[in-house]
Amino acid sequence: MIVVCSLARLQETVVKSRARHVVTLVRDEELIRREREALRSNGVKSEDHLWLEMDDIAEEMDGMIAPSEQHVERLLTFLKRWDRTQPMVVHCYAGISRSTRSRRGSARPRPPPIRTGGSWRLPTAISSAGEK
């Protein structure tokens, strides 16, 4: 099971779901540095926490980091190591766009990246059975 949440609810979600794998889709290093220690104390090993630095944008913009092919490749590599015996938490700052898109793309085995308008993204056209 993949659980999506906001940064504000990350620790609570990890504890309640008993997740041992976490994907972070936030650029702000200071915020993430604070969360890392709490994740370790909640049972998430450093190698089971993937941090993908990106901003919530679809196209390249000066001073911002758009999702890229490298992000998709790192996510797919991380997913291969997840044995699915315990939940995974995927979060961004608000828990709405980046994390939801990553969760939906992760639900399919080995989703291929799609390039649109200069950006790489995970596909969203998947079965929504059981999703609300």
N, C-alpha and C. Protein backbone atom coordinates (compact mmCIF):
# COMPACT_ATOMS: atom_id res chain seq x y z
N MET A 1 0.85 -1.17 0.00
CA MET A 1 0.00 0.00 0.00
C MET A 1 0.89 1.24 0.00
N ILE A 2 0.49 2.23 -0.76
CA ILE A 2 1.19 3.51 -0.80
C ILE A 2 0.26 4.55 -0.20
N VAL A 3 0.77 5.26 0.80
CA VAL A 3 -0.01 6.27 1.50
C VAL A 3 0.55 7.64 1.14
N VAL A 4 -0.31 8.58 0.79
CA VAL A 4 0.09 9.93 0.43
C VAL A 4 -0.28 10.89 1.55
N CYS A 5 0.65 11.81 1.85
CA CYS A 5 0.35 12.81 2.88
C CYS A 5 1.15 14.08 2.64
N SER A 6 0.87 15.07 3.44
CA SER A 6 1.62 16.32 3.41
C SER A 6 2.84 16.22 4.32
N LEU A 7 3.75 17.15 4.19
CA LEU A 7 4.91 17.20 5.07
C LEU A 7 4.47 17.35 6.53
N ALA A 8 3.46 18.15 6.78
CA ALA A 8 2.98 18.38 8.14
C ALA A 8 2.47 17.11 8.81
N ARG A 9 1.99 16.15 8.03
CA ARG A 9 1.44 14.90 8.59
C ARG A 9 2.36 13.70 8.40
N LEU A 10 3.60 13.95 7.95
CA LEU A 10 4.51 12.86 7.63
C LEU A 10 4.75 11.91 8.79
N GLN A 11 5.18 12.41 9.92
CA GLN A 11 5.54 11.54 11.04
C GLN A 11 4.33 10.77 11.55
N GLU A 12 3.20 11.46 11.68
CA GLU A 12 1.96 10.82 12.12
C GLU A 12 1.57 9.70 11.15
N THR A 13 1.69 9.95 9.87
CA THR A 13 1.32 8.97 8.86
C THR A 13 2.25 7.76 8.88
N VAL A 14 3.55 7.99 9.05
CA VAL A 14 4.51 6.89 9.13
C VAL A 14 4.20 6.01 10.34
N VAL A 15 3.92 6.63 11.47
CA VAL A 15 3.61 5.86 12.69
C VAL A 15 2.32 5.08 12.53
N LYS A 16 1.25 5.75 12.09
CA LYS A 16 -0.05 5.08 11.97
C LYS A 16 -0.05 3.96 10.93
N SER A 17 0.66 4.17 9.82
CA SER A 17 0.65 3.17 8.75
C SER A 17 1.72 2.09 8.96
N ARG A 18 2.66 2.36 9.87
CA ARG A 18 3.81 1.47 10.11
C ARG A 18 4.67 1.33 8.86
N ALA A 19 4.72 2.40 8.09
CA ALA A 19 5.53 2.41 6.87
C ALA A 19 7.01 2.35 7.23
N ARG A 20 7.77 1.70 6.36
CA ARG A 20 9.22 1.62 6.54
C ARG A 20 9.97 2.15 5.33
N HIS A 21 9.21 2.66 4.34
CA HIS A 21 9.79 3.29 3.17
C HIS A 21 9.09 4.63 2.96
N VAL A 22 9.87 5.66 2.64
CA VAL A 22 9.32 7.01 2.47
C VAL A 22 9.95 7.65 1.23
N VAL A 23 9.11 8.30 0.43
CA VAL A 23 9.57 9.10 -0.70
C VAL A 23 9.21 10.55 -0.41
N THR A 24 10.22 11.42 -0.44
CA THR A 24 10.05 12.85 -0.18
C THR A 24 10.22 13.61 -1.49
N LEU A 25 9.24 14.44 -1.83
CA LEU A 25 9.25 15.21 -3.08
C LEU A 25 9.19 16.70 -2.75
N VAL A 26 10.19 17.16 -2.02
CA VAL A 26 10.24 18.54 -1.55
C VAL A 26 11.65 19.06 -1.77
N ARG A 27 11.78 20.28 -2.17
CA ARG A 27 13.10 20.85 -2.42
C ARG A 27 13.76 21.39 -1.15
N ASP A 28 13.03 21.88 -0.20
CA ASP A 28 13.55 22.60 0.96
C ASP A 28 14.38 21.70 1.88
N GLU A 29 15.69 21.82 1.78
CA GLU A 29 16.60 20.96 2.55
C GLU A 29 16.46 21.16 4.06
N GLU A 30 16.24 22.37 4.50
CA GLU A 30 16.12 22.63 5.93
C GLU A 30 14.92 21.88 6.53
N LEU A 31 13.80 21.92 5.84
CA LEU A 31 12.62 21.20 6.31
C LEU A 31 12.88 19.70 6.37
N ILE A 32 13.50 19.17 5.33
CA ILE A 32 13.72 17.73 5.25
C ILE A 32 14.74 17.27 6.27
N ARG A 33 15.76 18.06 6.50
CA ARG A 33 16.77 17.71 7.50
C ARG A 33 16.11 17.47 8.86
N ARG A 34 15.16 18.31 9.22
CA ARG A 34 14.45 18.14 10.50
C ARG A 34 13.63 16.86 10.54
N GLU A 35 13.04 16.51 9.40
CA GLU A 35 12.18 15.33 9.35
C GLU A 35 12.98 14.02 9.35
N ARG A 36 14.19 14.06 8.83
CA ARG A 36 14.99 12.83 8.72
C ARG A 36 15.22 12.17 10.07
N GLU A 37 15.58 12.95 11.06
CA GLU A 37 15.83 12.38 12.40
C GLU A 37 14.58 11.71 12.94
N ALA A 38 13.45 12.36 12.79
CA ALA A 38 12.20 11.78 13.28
C ALA A 38 11.87 10.50 12.52
N LEU A 39 12.14 10.48 11.22
CA LEU A 39 11.89 9.25 10.45
C LEU A 39 12.73 8.11 10.99
N ARG A 40 14.00 8.37 11.29
CA ARG A 40 14.88 7.32 11.83
C ARG A 40 14.33 6.81 13.16
N SER A 41 13.88 7.72 14.02
CA SER A 41 13.35 7.29 15.31
C SER A 41 12.02 6.55 15.16
N ASN A 42 11.35 6.73 14.02
CA ASN A 42 10.10 6.02 13.74
C ASN A 42 10.33 4.75 12.91
N GLY A 43 11.58 4.32 12.78
CA GLY A 43 11.88 3.04 12.16
C GLY A 43 12.19 3.04 10.68
N VAL A 44 12.34 4.21 10.07
CA VAL A 44 12.67 4.28 8.65
C VAL A 44 14.19 4.43 8.53
N LYS A 45 14.83 3.43 7.92
CA LYS A 45 16.28 3.46 7.72
C LYS A 45 16.63 4.50 6.66
N SER A 46 17.84 5.04 6.74
CA SER A 46 18.25 6.07 5.77
C SER A 46 18.18 5.57 4.34
N GLU A 47 18.53 4.30 4.11
CA GLU A 47 18.48 3.76 2.74
C GLU A 47 17.05 3.51 2.25
N ASP A 48 16.08 3.59 3.17
CA ASP A 48 14.68 3.41 2.81
C ASP A 48 13.91 4.73 2.75
N HIS A 49 14.67 5.82 2.67
CA HIS A 49 14.08 7.15 2.52
C HIS A 49 14.68 7.79 1.27
N LEU A 50 13.85 7.95 0.25
CA LEU A 50 14.28 8.57 -1.00
C LEU A 50 13.85 10.03 -0.99
N TRP A 51 14.82 10.93 -1.15
CA TRP A 51 14.52 12.35 -1.21
C TRP A 51 14.80 12.84 -2.63
N LEU A 52 13.74 13.25 -3.32
CA LEU A 52 13.86 13.79 -4.67
C LEU A 52 13.59 15.29 -4.59
N GLU A 53 14.63 16.07 -4.77
CA GLU A 53 14.49 17.53 -4.69
C GLU A 53 13.81 18.05 -5.95
N MET A 54 12.64 18.66 -5.76
CA MET A 54 11.91 19.25 -6.89
C MET A 54 10.89 20.25 -6.37
N ASP A 55 10.56 21.19 -7.24
CA ASP A 55 9.51 22.15 -6.94
C ASP A 55 8.22 21.69 -7.61
N ASP A 56 7.12 22.26 -7.21
CA ASP A 56 5.82 21.89 -7.76
C ASP A 56 5.56 22.69 -9.03
N ILE A 57 6.31 22.34 -10.08
CA ILE A 57 6.16 22.99 -11.38
C ILE A 57 6.17 21.92 -12.47
N ALA A 58 5.59 22.21 -13.60
CA ALA A 58 5.56 21.26 -14.72
C ALA A 58 6.57 21.61 -15.79
N GLU A 59 6.96 22.85 -15.87
CA GLU A 59 7.90 23.33 -16.89
C GLU A 59 9.11 23.95 -16.21
N GLU A 60 10.23 23.96 -16.93
CA GLU A 60 11.44 24.59 -16.41
C GLU A 60 11.19 26.06 -16.12
N MET A 61 11.70 26.54 -14.97
CA MET A 61 11.62 27.94 -14.58
C MET A 61 12.92 28.30 -13.88
N ASP A 62 13.39 29.52 -14.09
CA ASP A 62 14.63 29.96 -13.45
C ASP A 62 14.53 29.84 -11.94
N GLY A 63 15.56 29.25 -11.34
CA GLY A 63 15.62 29.13 -9.89
C GLY A 63 14.78 28.01 -9.31
N MET A 64 14.12 27.23 -10.15
CA MET A 64 13.24 26.15 -9.70
C MET A 64 13.75 24.83 -10.27
N ILE A 65 13.35 23.73 -9.63
CA ILE A 65 13.71 22.40 -10.10
C ILE A 65 12.44 21.68 -10.53
N ALA A 66 12.33 21.41 -11.82
CA ALA A 66 11.18 20.68 -12.37
C ALA A 66 11.45 19.17 -12.27
N PRO A 67 10.41 18.36 -12.17
CA PRO A 67 10.60 16.91 -12.23
C PRO A 67 11.34 16.55 -13.51
N SER A 68 12.24 15.57 -13.41
CA SER A 68 13.08 15.22 -14.56
C SER A 68 13.15 13.71 -14.75
N GLU A 69 13.75 13.32 -15.85
CA GLU A 69 13.96 11.90 -16.12
C GLU A 69 14.78 11.26 -14.99
N GLN A 70 15.75 12.00 -14.47
CA GLN A 70 16.57 11.47 -13.37
C GLN A 70 15.71 11.19 -12.14
N HIS A 71 14.76 12.07 -11.84
CA HIS A 71 13.85 11.84 -10.70
C HIS A 71 13.06 10.55 -10.91
N VAL A 72 12.53 10.38 -12.12
CA VAL A 72 11.73 9.20 -12.42
C VAL A 72 12.58 7.94 -12.30
N GLU A 73 13.79 7.97 -12.84
CA GLU A 73 14.69 6.81 -12.76
C GLU A 73 15.02 6.46 -11.31
N ARG A 74 15.30 7.47 -10.50
CA ARG A 74 15.60 7.21 -9.09
C ARG A 74 14.40 6.63 -8.35
N LEU A 75 13.19 7.14 -8.67
CA LEU A 75 11.98 6.61 -8.05
C LEU A 75 11.77 5.15 -8.46
N LEU A 76 11.93 4.84 -9.73
CA LEU A 76 11.74 3.47 -10.18
C LEU A 76 12.76 2.52 -9.55
N THR A 77 13.99 2.95 -9.41
CA THR A 77 15.01 2.13 -8.75
C THR A 77 14.64 1.89 -7.29
N PHE A 78 14.17 2.92 -6.63
CA PHE A 78 13.75 2.81 -5.23
C PHE A 78 12.58 1.83 -5.09
N LEU A 79 11.62 1.94 -6.01
CA LEU A 79 10.44 1.05 -5.97
C LEU A 79 10.83 -0.41 -6.15
N LYS A 80 11.85 -0.68 -6.94
CA LYS A 80 12.30 -2.06 -7.14
C LYS A 80 12.79 -2.69 -5.83
N ARG A 81 13.34 -1.87 -4.94
CA ARG A 81 13.85 -2.38 -3.66
C ARG A 81 12.76 -2.55 -2.60
N TRP A 82 11.61 -1.95 -2.82
CA TRP A 82 10.51 -2.03 -1.85
C TRP A 82 9.82 -3.38 -1.99
N ASP A 83 9.81 -4.18 -0.93
CA ASP A 83 9.23 -5.53 -1.01
C ASP A 83 7.72 -5.56 -0.80
N ARG A 84 7.11 -4.43 -0.51
CA ARG A 84 5.66 -4.28 -0.36
C ARG A 84 5.07 -5.03 0.85
N THR A 85 5.92 -5.46 1.77
CA THR A 85 5.40 -6.12 2.97
C THR A 85 4.86 -5.10 3.96
N GLN A 86 5.34 -3.87 3.88
CA GLN A 86 4.84 -2.79 4.72
C GLN A 86 4.57 -1.58 3.84
N PRO A 87 3.69 -0.70 4.27
CA PRO A 87 3.34 0.45 3.44
C PRO A 87 4.53 1.37 3.14
N MET A 88 4.37 2.15 2.09
CA MET A 88 5.30 3.21 1.74
C MET A 88 4.54 4.52 1.83
N VAL A 89 5.18 5.55 2.37
CA VAL A 89 4.59 6.87 2.42
C VAL A 89 5.26 7.74 1.36
N VAL A 90 4.45 8.42 0.56
CA VAL A 90 4.93 9.37 -0.43
C VAL A 90 4.37 10.72 -0.03
N HIS A 91 5.26 11.71 0.09
CA HIS A 91 4.77 13.02 0.51
C HIS A 91 5.49 14.14 -0.22
N CYS A 92 4.79 15.25 -0.34
CA CYS A 92 5.38 16.50 -0.81
C CYS A 92 5.00 17.54 0.26
N TYR A 93 5.07 18.79 -0.08
CA TYR A 93 4.77 19.79 0.94
C TYR A 93 3.30 19.77 1.35
N ALA A 94 2.40 19.77 0.37
CA ALA A 94 0.97 19.81 0.67
C ALA A 94 0.27 18.46 0.55
N GLY A 95 0.92 17.48 -0.08
CA GLY A 95 0.29 16.16 -0.25
C GLY A 95 -0.77 16.14 -1.33
N ILE A 96 -0.64 17.04 -2.31
CA ILE A 96 -1.68 17.15 -3.33
C ILE A 96 -1.19 16.75 -4.73
N SER A 97 -0.24 17.45 -5.28
CA SER A 97 0.10 17.20 -6.68
C SER A 97 1.30 16.27 -6.88
N ARG A 98 2.48 16.63 -6.39
CA ARG A 98 3.66 15.80 -6.62
C ARG A 98 3.52 14.42 -6.01
N SER A 99 3.09 14.34 -4.77
CA SER A 99 3.00 13.04 -4.10
C SER A 99 1.89 12.18 -4.68
N THR A 100 0.76 12.79 -5.02
CA THR A 100 -0.34 12.02 -5.60
C THR A 100 0.04 11.47 -6.97
N ARG A 101 0.68 12.28 -7.78
CA ARG A 101 1.10 11.81 -9.10
C ARG A 101 2.13 10.68 -8.96
N SER A 102 3.07 10.81 -8.05
CA SER A 102 4.07 9.75 -7.85
C SER A 102 3.41 8.48 -7.34
N ARG A 103 2.46 8.61 -6.46
CA ARG A 103 1.76 7.43 -5.93
C ARG A 103 1.00 6.72 -7.04
N ARG A 104 0.30 7.49 -7.85
CA ARG A 104 -0.48 6.89 -8.92
C ARG A 104 0.42 6.21 -9.94
N GLY A 105 1.52 6.84 -10.27
CA GLY A 105 2.46 6.22 -11.20
C GLY A 105 3.14 5.00 -10.59
N SER A 106 3.33 4.99 -9.29
CA SER A 106 4.00 3.88 -8.60
C SER A 106 3.10 2.66 -8.47
N ALA A 107 1.82 2.85 -8.62
CA ALA A 107 0.88 1.73 -8.46
C ALA A 107 1.03 0.71 -9.58
N ARG A 108 1.55 1.13 -10.70
CA ARG A 108 1.79 0.22 -11.82
C ARG A 108 3.19 -0.34 -11.71
N PRO A 109 3.38 -1.58 -12.07
CA PRO A 109 4.74 -2.11 -12.05
C PRO A 109 5.60 -1.44 -13.12
N ARG A 110 6.67 -0.84 -12.71
CA ARG A 110 7.67 -0.23 -13.58
C ARG A 110 7.08 0.70 -14.64
N PRO A 111 6.39 1.78 -14.20
CA PRO A 111 5.80 2.68 -15.19
C PRO A 111 6.88 3.41 -15.99
N PRO A 112 6.71 3.49 -17.30
CA PRO A 112 7.70 4.22 -18.09
C PRO A 112 7.48 5.72 -17.95
N PRO A 113 8.55 6.51 -17.94
CA PRO A 113 8.37 7.96 -17.87
C PRO A 113 7.81 8.48 -19.18
N ILE A 114 7.11 9.60 -19.10
CA ILE A 114 6.53 10.24 -20.28
C ILE A 114 7.08 11.66 -20.34
N ARG A 115 7.53 12.08 -21.50
CA ARG A 115 8.06 13.44 -21.66
C ARG A 115 6.96 14.32 -22.25
N THR A 116 6.66 15.42 -21.58
CA THR A 116 5.66 16.36 -22.08
C THR A 116 6.19 17.77 -21.90
N GLY A 117 6.25 18.52 -22.97
CA GLY A 117 6.64 19.92 -22.89
C GLY A 117 7.95 20.18 -22.20
N GLY A 118 8.94 19.32 -22.38
CA GLY A 118 10.24 19.54 -21.78
C GLY A 118 10.39 18.96 -20.39
N SER A 119 9.36 18.38 -19.81
CA SER A 119 9.43 17.78 -18.48
C SER A 119 9.14 16.30 -18.56
N TRP A 120 9.67 15.57 -17.61
CA TRP A 120 9.38 14.14 -17.49
C TRP A 120 8.39 13.95 -16.36
N ARG A 121 7.47 13.02 -16.55
CA ARG A 121 6.49 12.75 -15.50
C ARG A 121 6.13 11.27 -15.54
N LEU A 122 5.53 10.82 -14.44
CA LEU A 122 5.02 9.47 -14.40
C LEU A 122 3.64 9.47 -15.02
N PRO A 123 3.23 8.38 -15.67
CA PRO A 123 1.90 8.34 -16.28
C PRO A 123 0.81 8.40 -15.23
N THR A 124 -0.31 9.01 -15.62
CA THR A 124 -1.44 9.09 -14.69
C THR A 124 -2.62 8.26 -15.17
N ALA A 125 -2.56 7.75 -16.37
CA ALA A 125 -3.67 6.96 -16.91
C ALA A 125 -3.54 5.51 -16.44
N ILE A 126 -3.91 5.27 -15.18
CA ILE A 126 -3.87 3.92 -14.63
C ILE A 126 -5.23 3.61 -14.05
N SER A 127 -5.44 2.39 -13.74
CA SER A 127 -6.70 1.98 -13.13
C SER A 127 -6.87 2.71 -11.80
N SER A 128 -8.03 3.23 -11.56
CA SER A 128 -8.28 3.91 -10.29
C SER A 128 -9.13 3.06 -9.36
N ALA A 129 -9.17 1.77 -9.59
CA ALA A 129 -9.95 0.87 -8.74
C ALA A 129 -9.48 0.98 -7.31
N GLY A 130 -10.38 1.26 -6.41
CA GLY A 130 -10.04 1.36 -5.00
C GLY A 130 -9.53 2.72 -4.60
N GLU A 131 -9.27 3.61 -5.54
CA GLU A 131 -8.81 4.95 -5.20
C GLU A 131 -9.98 5.90 -5.12
N LYS A 132 -9.87 6.87 -4.26
CA LYS A 132 -10.92 7.88 -4.13
C LYS A 132 -10.35 9.23 -4.44
